[in-house]
């Protein structure tokens, strides 16, 4: 039985975060620390309250 997936719209920053997380493992060992820092920055921006 297939489950129906709901479509949700993402902001540009949310898409960027998803791409960064997907690429995180591929960056090891060379870009690993920089990629982790970048992901943390994106999460901070997305969770910053007004």
C-alpha atoms as a PDB file:
ATOM      1  CA  UNK A   1       0.000   0.000   0.000  1.00  0.00           C
ATOM      2  CA  UNK A   2       1.430   3.377  -1.032  1.00  0.00           C
ATOM      3  CA  UNK A   3       1.215   6.283   1.338  1.00  0.00           C
ATOM      4  CA  UNK A   4       0.191   9.630  -0.060  1.00  0.00           C
ATOM      5  CA  UNK A   5       2.789  12.286   0.567  1.00  0.00           C
ATOM      6  CA  UNK A   6       1.662  15.821   1.137  1.00  0.00           C
ATOM      7  CA  UNK A   7       3.440  18.489  -0.843  1.00  0.00           C
ATOM      8  CA  UNK A   8       4.894  21.319   1.201  1.00  0.00           C
ATOM      9  CA  UNK A   9       6.521  24.476  -0.041  1.00  0.00           C
ATOM     10  CA  UNK A  10       9.982  25.290   1.227  1.00  0.00           C
ATOM     11  CA  UNK A  11      11.700  28.606   1.509  1.00  0.00           C
ATOM     12  CA  UNK A  12      15.021  29.094  -0.232  1.00  0.00           C
ATOM     13  CA  UNK A  13      16.864  28.776   3.099  1.00  0.00           C
ATOM     14  CA  UNK A  14      15.071  25.521   3.932  1.00  0.00           C
ATOM     15  CA  UNK A  15      16.046  24.026   0.575  1.00  0.00           C
ATOM     16  CA  UNK A  16      19.610  25.198   1.109  1.00  0.00           C
ATOM     17  CA  UNK A  17      19.689  23.498   4.529  1.00  0.00           C
ATOM     18  CA  UNK A  18      18.406  20.215   3.105  1.00  0.00           C
ATOM     19  CA  UNK A  19      21.032  20.280   0.350  1.00  0.00           C
ATOM     20  CA  UNK A  20      23.784  21.070   2.857  1.00  0.00           C
ATOM     21  CA  UNK A  21      22.747  18.190   5.127  1.00  0.00           C
ATOM     22  CA  UNK A  22      22.676  15.792   2.167  1.00  0.00           C
ATOM     23  CA  UNK A  23      26.170  16.885   1.107  1.00  0.00           C
ATOM     24  CA  UNK A  24      27.591  16.810   4.641  1.00  0.00           C
ATOM     25  CA  UNK A  25      28.741  13.183   4.590  1.00  0.00           C
ATOM     26  CA  UNK A  26      30.269  13.532   1.116  1.00  0.00           C
ATOM     27  CA  UNK A  27      32.447  16.408   2.348  1.00  0.00           C
ATOM     28  CA  UNK A  28      34.334  14.233   4.852  1.00  0.00           C
ATOM     29  CA  UNK A  29      37.249  14.647   5.580  1.00  0.00           C
ATOM     30  CA  UNK A  30      38.223  17.712   3.534  1.00  0.00           C
ATOM     31  CA  UNK A  31      35.203  19.998   3.846  1.00  0.00           C
ATOM     32  CA  UNK A  32      33.739  18.370   6.931  1.00  0.00           C
ATOM     33  CA  UNK A  33      34.338  21.136   9.550  1.00  0.00           C
ATOM     34  CA  UNK A  34      33.319  23.964   7.224  1.00  0.00           C
ATOM     35  CA  UNK A  35      30.164  22.157   6.114  1.00  0.00           C
ATOM     36  CA  UNK A  36      29.103  21.491   9.706  1.00  0.00           C
ATOM     37  CA  UNK A  37      29.623  25.154  10.584  1.00  0.00           C
ATOM     38  CA  UNK A  38      27.578  26.195   7.542  1.00  0.00           C
ATOM     39  CA  UNK A  39      24.715  23.872   8.524  1.00  0.00           C
ATOM     40  CA  UNK A  40      24.740  25.274  12.058  1.00  0.00           C
ATOM     41  CA  UNK A  41      24.569  28.821  10.662  1.00  0.00           C
ATOM     42  CA  UNK A  42      21.557  27.947   8.518  1.00  0.00           C
ATOM     43  CA  UNK A  43      19.751  26.336  11.468  1.00  0.00           C
ATOM     44  CA  UNK A  44      20.450  29.429  13.585  1.00  0.00           C
ATOM     45  CA  UNK A  45      19.035  31.703  10.870  1.00  0.00           C
ATOM     46  CA  UNK A  46      15.930  29.568  10.438  1.00  0.00           C
ATOM     47  CA  UNK A  47      15.209  29.355  14.155  1.00  0.00           C
ATOM     48  CA  UNK A  48      15.939  32.995  14.981  1.00  0.00           C
ATOM     49  CA  UNK A  49      12.813  34.512  16.474  1.00  0.00           C
ATOM     50  CA  UNK A  50      11.830  38.105  15.622  1.00  0.00           C
END
